[in-house]
């Protein structure tokens, strides 16, 4: 099976704590990417969206669940699809940092393998399009 990778690097004139809060909140993240997202399991950490929290993305049979694997406030969010899905070995990693001129850099990487041969290219293109379009909303939503 082929491995697919999406790499998005964006910089925003928005404080890092506000950008991180947007990505960390499952509901607000869904608004940003234009997909229904709800937290179905709280983390047992201080932040209910932290390690171990589970979010449902999508509607009905077209939904999947993602579980937060790493959560370092204002620095890193890592998650994986943990329900049935048309892809496998999915890892999403969002890293947040400050630039020298006081802006916030977001480095968002997703990698996965397809299950059905050649479906990965279509899934990768659609996912990347939606994420890139959504991330452009950061200045308005953060």
N, C-alpha and C. Protein backbone atom coordinates (compact mmCIF):
# COMPACT_ATOMS: atom_id res chain seq x y z
N UNK A 1 0.83 -1.18 0.00
CA UNK A 1 0.00 0.00 0.00
C UNK A 1 0.88 1.25 0.00
N UNK A 2 0.38 2.27 -0.67
CA UNK A 2 1.13 3.52 -0.77
C UNK A 2 0.95 4.37 0.48
N UNK A 3 1.97 5.14 0.81
CA UNK A 3 1.91 6.09 1.91
C UNK A 3 1.70 7.48 1.32
N UNK A 4 0.75 8.22 1.88
CA UNK A 4 0.42 9.56 1.43
C UNK A 4 0.73 10.54 2.55
N UNK A 5 1.22 11.71 2.19
CA UNK A 5 1.58 12.72 3.17
C UNK A 5 1.07 14.08 2.71
N UNK A 6 0.50 14.81 3.66
CA UNK A 6 0.07 16.19 3.44
C UNK A 6 0.93 17.04 4.37
N UNK A 7 1.52 18.11 3.84
CA UNK A 7 2.30 19.03 4.65
C UNK A 7 1.79 20.44 4.39
N UNK A 8 1.34 21.08 5.46
CA UNK A 8 0.85 22.45 5.37
C UNK A 8 1.65 23.29 6.36
N UNK A 9 2.25 24.35 5.87
CA UNK A 9 3.00 25.28 6.70
C UNK A 9 2.42 26.67 6.48
N UNK A 10 1.86 27.25 7.52
CA UNK A 10 1.24 28.57 7.42
C UNK A 10 1.72 29.43 8.59
N UNK A 11 1.71 30.73 8.37
CA UNK A 11 2.08 31.68 9.39
C UNK A 11 0.97 32.71 9.52
N UNK A 12 0.64 33.05 10.79
CA UNK A 12 -0.47 33.95 11.05
C UNK A 12 -0.05 35.05 12.01
N UNK A 13 -0.64 36.24 11.83
CA UNK A 13 -0.43 37.36 12.74
C UNK A 13 -1.47 37.29 13.86
N UNK A 14 -1.51 36.15 14.50
CA UNK A 14 -2.43 35.88 15.60
C UNK A 14 -1.59 35.22 16.70
N UNK A 15 -1.80 35.59 17.98
CA UNK A 15 -1.01 34.98 19.05
C UNK A 15 -1.15 33.45 19.06
N UNK A 16 -0.06 32.80 19.40
CA UNK A 16 -0.01 31.33 19.38
C UNK A 16 -1.07 30.71 20.29
N UNK A 17 -1.31 31.28 21.46
CA UNK A 17 -2.30 30.69 22.35
C UNK A 17 -3.69 30.68 21.72
N UNK A 18 -4.03 31.69 20.93
CA UNK A 18 -5.34 31.74 20.27
C UNK A 18 -5.42 30.74 19.12
N UNK A 19 -4.33 30.62 18.36
CA UNK A 19 -4.30 29.66 17.26
C UNK A 19 -4.39 28.24 17.81
N UNK A 20 -3.61 27.96 18.84
CA UNK A 20 -3.66 26.63 19.46
C UNK A 20 -5.06 26.32 19.97
N UNK A 21 -5.69 27.29 20.64
CA UNK A 21 -7.04 27.07 21.18
C UNK A 21 -8.03 26.72 20.09
N UNK A 22 -7.89 27.32 18.93
CA UNK A 22 -8.78 27.02 17.81
C UNK A 22 -8.62 25.57 17.34
N UNK A 23 -7.38 25.13 17.18
CA UNK A 23 -7.13 23.77 16.72
C UNK A 23 -7.45 22.73 17.80
N UNK A 24 -7.24 23.09 19.06
CA UNK A 24 -7.42 22.14 20.15
C UNK A 24 -8.89 21.86 20.46
N UNK A 25 -9.75 22.85 20.27
CA UNK A 25 -11.17 22.69 20.57
C UNK A 25 -11.84 21.94 19.42
N UNK A 26 -12.31 20.72 19.69
CA UNK A 26 -12.83 19.88 18.61
C UNK A 26 -13.96 20.57 17.84
N UNK A 27 -14.88 21.21 18.53
CA UNK A 27 -16.00 21.86 17.87
C UNK A 27 -15.53 23.01 16.98
N UNK A 28 -14.67 23.86 17.51
CA UNK A 28 -14.16 25.00 16.73
C UNK A 28 -13.31 24.52 15.56
N UNK A 29 -12.56 23.45 15.75
CA UNK A 29 -11.78 22.88 14.65
C UNK A 29 -12.72 22.45 13.53
N UNK A 30 -13.84 21.83 13.89
CA UNK A 30 -14.83 21.44 12.89
C UNK A 30 -15.37 22.63 12.13
N UNK A 31 -15.67 23.72 12.83
CA UNK A 31 -16.13 24.93 12.16
C UNK A 31 -15.09 25.43 11.17
N UNK A 32 -13.83 25.36 11.57
CA UNK A 32 -12.76 25.85 10.71
C UNK A 32 -12.67 25.04 9.42
N UNK A 33 -12.76 23.72 9.52
CA UNK A 33 -12.61 22.89 8.32
C UNK A 33 -13.92 22.64 7.61
N UNK A 34 -15.02 23.13 8.16
CA UNK A 34 -16.31 22.98 7.51
C UNK A 34 -16.88 21.58 7.57
N UNK A 35 -16.66 20.90 8.69
CA UNK A 35 -17.18 19.54 8.87
C UNK A 35 -17.76 19.44 10.28
N UNK A 36 -18.83 18.67 10.44
CA UNK A 36 -19.35 18.49 11.79
C UNK A 36 -18.37 17.67 12.63
N UNK A 37 -17.99 18.22 13.78
CA UNK A 37 -17.07 17.55 14.69
C UNK A 37 -17.63 17.71 16.10
N UNK A 38 -17.67 16.61 16.84
CA UNK A 38 -18.06 16.71 18.25
C UNK A 38 -17.21 15.77 19.08
N UNK A 39 -16.94 16.22 20.29
CA UNK A 39 -16.17 15.39 21.22
C UNK A 39 -17.11 14.33 21.76
N UNK A 40 -16.70 13.05 21.64
CA UNK A 40 -17.53 11.96 22.14
C UNK A 40 -16.94 11.33 23.40
N UNK A 41 -15.69 11.69 23.70
CA UNK A 41 -15.05 11.23 24.94
C UNK A 41 -14.09 12.30 25.42
N UNK A 42 -14.23 12.70 26.67
CA UNK A 42 -13.34 13.68 27.26
C UNK A 42 -12.01 13.05 27.65
N UNK A 43 -10.99 13.86 27.61
CA UNK A 43 -9.69 13.47 28.15
C UNK A 43 -9.79 13.43 29.67
N UNK A 44 -8.96 12.65 30.30
CA UNK A 44 -8.92 12.67 31.76
C UNK A 44 -7.89 13.69 32.26
N UNK A 45 -7.35 14.50 31.34
CA UNK A 45 -6.42 15.56 31.69
C UNK A 45 -7.20 16.84 32.02
N UNK A 46 -6.48 17.90 32.33
CA UNK A 46 -7.12 19.18 32.67
C UNK A 46 -7.96 19.71 31.51
N UNK A 47 -7.48 19.56 30.29
CA UNK A 47 -8.22 20.01 29.11
C UNK A 47 -9.03 18.83 28.57
N UNK A 48 -10.34 18.96 28.44
CA UNK A 48 -11.16 17.84 27.96
C UNK A 48 -10.83 17.42 26.53
N UNK A 49 -10.11 18.28 25.78
CA UNK A 49 -9.70 17.96 24.41
C UNK A 49 -8.30 17.35 24.35
N UNK A 50 -7.71 17.06 25.50
CA UNK A 50 -6.34 16.57 25.56
C UNK A 50 -6.20 15.09 25.24
N UNK A 51 -5.06 14.52 25.66
CA UNK A 51 -4.73 13.12 25.38
C UNK A 51 -5.88 12.21 25.81
N UNK A 52 -6.27 11.33 24.91
CA UNK A 52 -7.33 10.38 25.18
C UNK A 52 -8.71 10.85 24.77
N UNK A 53 -8.85 12.14 24.47
CA UNK A 53 -10.16 12.61 24.02
C UNK A 53 -10.41 12.05 22.62
N UNK A 54 -11.68 11.83 22.33
CA UNK A 54 -12.08 11.28 21.03
C UNK A 54 -13.10 12.21 20.40
N UNK A 55 -12.89 12.51 19.12
CA UNK A 55 -13.84 13.34 18.40
C UNK A 55 -14.41 12.57 17.22
N UNK A 56 -15.67 12.79 16.96
CA UNK A 56 -16.35 12.20 15.81
C UNK A 56 -16.38 13.26 14.72
N UNK A 57 -15.88 12.90 13.55
CA UNK A 57 -15.83 13.81 12.42
C UNK A 57 -16.75 13.28 11.33
N UNK A 58 -17.70 14.10 10.90
CA UNK A 58 -18.63 13.68 9.85
C UNK A 58 -19.99 13.32 10.40
N UNK A 59 -20.82 12.76 9.52
CA UNK A 59 -22.20 12.45 9.87
C UNK A 59 -22.50 10.99 9.55
N UNK A 60 -23.14 10.33 10.50
CA UNK A 60 -23.64 8.96 10.29
C UNK A 60 -22.60 8.01 9.75
N UNK A 61 -22.96 7.29 8.66
CA UNK A 61 -22.03 6.29 8.12
C UNK A 61 -20.80 6.90 7.46
N UNK A 62 -20.81 8.23 7.29
CA UNK A 62 -19.68 8.92 6.68
C UNK A 62 -18.81 9.58 7.74
N UNK A 63 -18.86 9.06 8.94
CA UNK A 63 -18.08 9.64 10.03
C UNK A 63 -16.96 8.70 10.45
N UNK A 64 -16.02 9.27 11.19
CA UNK A 64 -14.94 8.48 11.75
C UNK A 64 -14.56 9.09 13.08
N UNK A 65 -13.81 8.36 13.86
CA UNK A 65 -13.37 8.86 15.16
C UNK A 65 -11.86 9.03 15.17
N UNK A 66 -11.44 10.14 15.77
CA UNK A 66 -10.03 10.43 15.94
C UNK A 66 -9.74 10.56 17.43
N UNK A 67 -8.63 10.00 17.84
CA UNK A 67 -8.22 10.05 19.25
C UNK A 67 -6.94 10.86 19.37
N UNK A 68 -6.91 11.77 20.34
CA UNK A 68 -5.73 12.60 20.58
C UNK A 68 -4.69 11.74 21.30
N UNK A 69 -3.51 11.66 20.72
CA UNK A 69 -2.40 10.85 21.24
C UNK A 69 -1.40 11.67 22.04
N UNK A 70 -1.16 12.91 21.59
CA UNK A 70 -0.24 13.82 22.28
C UNK A 70 -0.88 15.19 22.33
N UNK A 71 -0.67 15.88 23.43
CA UNK A 71 -1.27 17.19 23.62
C UNK A 71 -0.35 18.00 24.52
N UNK A 72 0.43 18.89 23.92
CA UNK A 72 1.33 19.78 24.66
C UNK A 72 0.81 21.19 24.45
N UNK A 73 0.18 21.78 25.47
CA UNK A 73 -0.45 23.10 25.28
C UNK A 73 0.46 24.10 24.57
N UNK A 74 -0.12 24.73 23.56
CA UNK A 74 0.50 25.79 22.75
C UNK A 74 1.65 25.30 21.88
N UNK A 75 1.89 23.98 21.85
CA UNK A 75 3.03 23.45 21.11
C UNK A 75 2.67 22.33 20.13
N UNK A 76 1.89 21.34 20.56
CA UNK A 76 1.70 20.15 19.74
C UNK A 76 0.35 19.47 20.01
N UNK A 77 -0.28 19.03 18.93
CA UNK A 77 -1.44 18.15 18.99
C UNK A 77 -1.16 17.03 18.00
N UNK A 78 -1.30 15.78 18.45
CA UNK A 78 -1.14 14.64 17.55
C UNK A 78 -2.34 13.73 17.75
N UNK A 79 -2.88 13.23 16.67
CA UNK A 79 -4.07 12.38 16.74
C UNK A 79 -4.02 11.31 15.67
N UNK A 80 -4.87 10.31 15.84
CA UNK A 80 -4.95 9.22 14.89
C UNK A 80 -6.40 8.80 14.72
N UNK A 81 -6.74 8.30 13.54
CA UNK A 81 -8.07 7.73 13.32
C UNK A 81 -8.10 6.39 14.05
N UNK A 82 -9.13 6.22 14.89
CA UNK A 82 -9.21 5.00 15.70
C UNK A 82 -10.53 4.26 15.48
N UNK A 83 -11.20 4.54 14.39
CA UNK A 83 -12.42 3.81 14.03
C UNK A 83 -12.22 3.23 12.63
N UNK A 84 -13.21 2.49 12.19
CA UNK A 84 -13.15 2.00 10.81
C UNK A 84 -13.01 3.17 9.87
N UNK A 85 -12.20 2.99 8.85
CA UNK A 85 -11.88 4.09 7.95
C UNK A 85 -11.39 3.52 6.62
N UNK A 86 -11.49 4.30 5.54
CA UNK A 86 -10.95 3.84 4.26
C UNK A 86 -9.43 3.95 4.17
N UNK A 87 -8.79 4.41 5.27
CA UNK A 87 -7.34 4.52 5.31
C UNK A 87 -6.83 3.87 6.60
N UNK A 88 -5.53 3.61 6.64
CA UNK A 88 -4.93 3.02 7.84
C UNK A 88 -3.63 3.74 8.17
N UNK A 89 -3.16 3.51 9.39
CA UNK A 89 -1.91 4.10 9.87
C UNK A 89 -1.91 5.62 9.74
N UNK A 90 -3.05 6.22 10.03
CA UNK A 90 -3.22 7.67 9.95
C UNK A 90 -2.64 8.34 11.19
N UNK A 91 -1.82 9.36 10.96
CA UNK A 91 -1.30 10.20 12.04
C UNK A 91 -1.40 11.65 11.59
N UNK A 92 -2.04 12.47 12.41
CA UNK A 92 -2.07 13.91 12.18
C UNK A 92 -1.25 14.59 13.24
N UNK A 93 -0.39 15.48 12.85
CA UNK A 93 0.49 16.18 13.80
C UNK A 93 0.45 17.67 13.48
N UNK A 94 0.08 18.46 14.49
CA UNK A 94 0.01 19.91 14.33
C UNK A 94 0.97 20.53 15.33
N UNK A 95 1.99 21.20 14.81
CA UNK A 95 3.01 21.83 15.66
C UNK A 95 2.85 23.35 15.55
N UNK A 96 2.93 24.02 16.70
CA UNK A 96 2.76 25.47 16.80
C UNK A 96 4.05 26.08 17.34
N UNK A 97 4.49 27.18 16.72
CA UNK A 97 5.69 27.86 17.20
C UNK A 97 5.60 29.34 16.86
N UNK A 98 6.46 30.13 17.50
CA UNK A 98 6.54 31.56 17.22
C UNK A 98 7.62 31.80 16.19
N UNK A 99 7.39 32.79 15.33
CA UNK A 99 8.43 33.20 14.39
C UNK A 99 9.24 34.33 15.02
N UNK A 100 10.34 34.69 14.41
CA UNK A 100 11.18 35.76 14.94
C UNK A 100 10.45 37.10 14.99
N UNK A 101 9.49 37.28 14.09
CA UNK A 101 8.77 38.56 14.05
C UNK A 101 7.44 38.52 14.82
N UNK A 102 7.28 37.53 15.70
CA UNK A 102 6.13 37.49 16.59
C UNK A 102 4.86 36.88 16.01
N UNK A 103 4.95 36.25 14.87
CA UNK A 103 3.79 35.59 14.30
C UNK A 103 3.75 34.14 14.79
N UNK A 104 2.68 33.45 14.44
CA UNK A 104 2.52 32.05 14.82
C UNK A 104 2.64 31.17 13.59
N UNK A 105 3.53 30.19 13.68
CA UNK A 105 3.71 29.22 12.59
C UNK A 105 2.96 27.94 12.95
N UNK A 106 2.20 27.44 11.99
CA UNK A 106 1.50 26.17 12.14
C UNK A 106 2.07 25.21 11.10
N UNK A 107 2.58 24.08 11.58
CA UNK A 107 3.09 23.03 10.70
C UNK A 107 2.18 21.81 10.90
N UNK A 108 1.38 21.52 9.89
CA UNK A 108 0.36 20.47 9.99
C UNK A 108 0.76 19.37 9.01
N UNK A 109 0.99 18.18 9.52
CA UNK A 109 1.39 17.04 8.69
C UNK A 109 0.44 15.89 8.95
N UNK A 110 -0.02 15.28 7.90
CA UNK A 110 -0.86 14.09 7.99
C UNK A 110 -0.23 13.03 7.11
N UNK A 111 -0.13 11.82 7.62
CA UNK A 111 0.32 10.70 6.78
C UNK A 111 -0.63 9.53 7.00
N UNK A 112 -0.80 8.73 5.96
CA UNK A 112 -1.67 7.56 6.02
C UNK A 112 -1.38 6.64 4.85
N UNK A 113 -1.91 5.45 4.94
CA UNK A 113 -1.84 4.48 3.85
C UNK A 113 -3.27 4.18 3.40
N UNK A 114 -3.41 3.90 2.11
CA UNK A 114 -4.74 3.53 1.64
C UNK A 114 -4.99 2.04 1.87
N UNK A 115 -6.24 1.68 1.94
CA UNK A 115 -6.63 0.28 2.07
C UNK A 115 -7.03 -0.25 0.71
N UNK A 116 -7.85 0.54 0.02
CA UNK A 116 -8.25 0.19 -1.35
C UNK A 116 -7.20 0.79 -2.28
N UNK A 117 -6.55 -0.04 -3.08
CA UNK A 117 -5.50 0.48 -3.96
C UNK A 117 -5.96 1.69 -4.78
N UNK A 118 -5.11 2.69 -4.82
CA UNK A 118 -5.29 3.92 -5.59
C UNK A 118 -6.33 4.88 -5.02
N UNK A 119 -7.01 4.52 -3.93
CA UNK A 119 -7.98 5.44 -3.34
C UNK A 119 -7.27 6.54 -2.54
N UNK A 120 -6.07 6.29 -2.11
CA UNK A 120 -5.34 7.24 -1.29
C UNK A 120 -5.12 8.57 -1.97
N UNK A 121 -4.88 8.56 -3.25
CA UNK A 121 -4.63 9.82 -3.98
C UNK A 121 -5.86 10.71 -3.94
N UNK A 122 -7.03 10.12 -4.12
CA UNK A 122 -8.28 10.89 -4.10
C UNK A 122 -8.53 11.41 -2.68
N UNK A 123 -8.38 10.54 -1.68
CA UNK A 123 -8.59 10.94 -0.29
C UNK A 123 -7.60 12.04 0.10
N UNK A 124 -6.36 11.88 -0.29
CA UNK A 124 -5.33 12.86 0.04
C UNK A 124 -5.67 14.23 -0.57
N UNK A 125 -6.05 14.25 -1.83
CA UNK A 125 -6.38 15.51 -2.50
C UNK A 125 -7.57 16.21 -1.84
N UNK A 126 -8.63 15.44 -1.55
CA UNK A 126 -9.82 16.02 -0.93
C UNK A 126 -9.52 16.55 0.46
N UNK A 127 -8.78 15.78 1.25
CA UNK A 127 -8.45 16.17 2.61
C UNK A 127 -7.55 17.41 2.61
N UNK A 128 -6.56 17.42 1.75
CA UNK A 128 -5.66 18.57 1.70
C UNK A 128 -6.40 19.83 1.27
N UNK A 129 -7.29 19.72 0.30
CA UNK A 129 -8.07 20.87 -0.15
C UNK A 129 -8.89 21.45 1.00
N UNK A 130 -9.60 20.57 1.72
CA UNK A 130 -10.46 21.02 2.82
C UNK A 130 -9.62 21.66 3.93
N UNK A 131 -8.50 21.04 4.28
CA UNK A 131 -7.65 21.59 5.34
C UNK A 131 -7.06 22.94 4.96
N UNK A 132 -6.53 23.04 3.75
CA UNK A 132 -5.93 24.31 3.32
C UNK A 132 -6.97 25.43 3.30
N UNK A 133 -8.16 25.12 2.80
CA UNK A 133 -9.24 26.12 2.77
C UNK A 133 -9.63 26.51 4.19
N UNK A 134 -9.73 25.54 5.08
CA UNK A 134 -10.11 25.82 6.45
C UNK A 134 -9.07 26.63 7.20
N UNK A 135 -7.81 26.29 7.02
CA UNK A 135 -6.74 26.96 7.74
C UNK A 135 -6.67 28.44 7.37
N UNK A 136 -7.11 28.79 6.18
CA UNK A 136 -7.14 30.19 5.80
C UNK A 136 -8.12 31.00 6.66
N UNK A 137 -9.01 30.32 7.38
CA UNK A 137 -9.98 30.97 8.26
C UNK A 137 -9.41 31.31 9.63
N UNK A 138 -8.19 30.87 9.92
CA UNK A 138 -7.61 31.07 11.25
C UNK A 138 -7.68 32.53 11.71
N UNK A 139 -7.26 33.51 10.91
CA UNK A 139 -7.29 34.89 11.41
C UNK A 139 -8.69 35.36 11.81
N UNK A 140 -9.71 34.88 11.14
CA UNK A 140 -11.08 35.29 11.47
C UNK A 140 -11.65 34.55 12.68
N UNK A 141 -11.23 33.29 12.86
CA UNK A 141 -11.83 32.43 13.89
C UNK A 141 -11.07 32.40 15.21
N UNK A 142 -9.77 32.71 15.17
CA UNK A 142 -8.95 32.60 16.40
C UNK A 142 -9.19 33.73 17.37
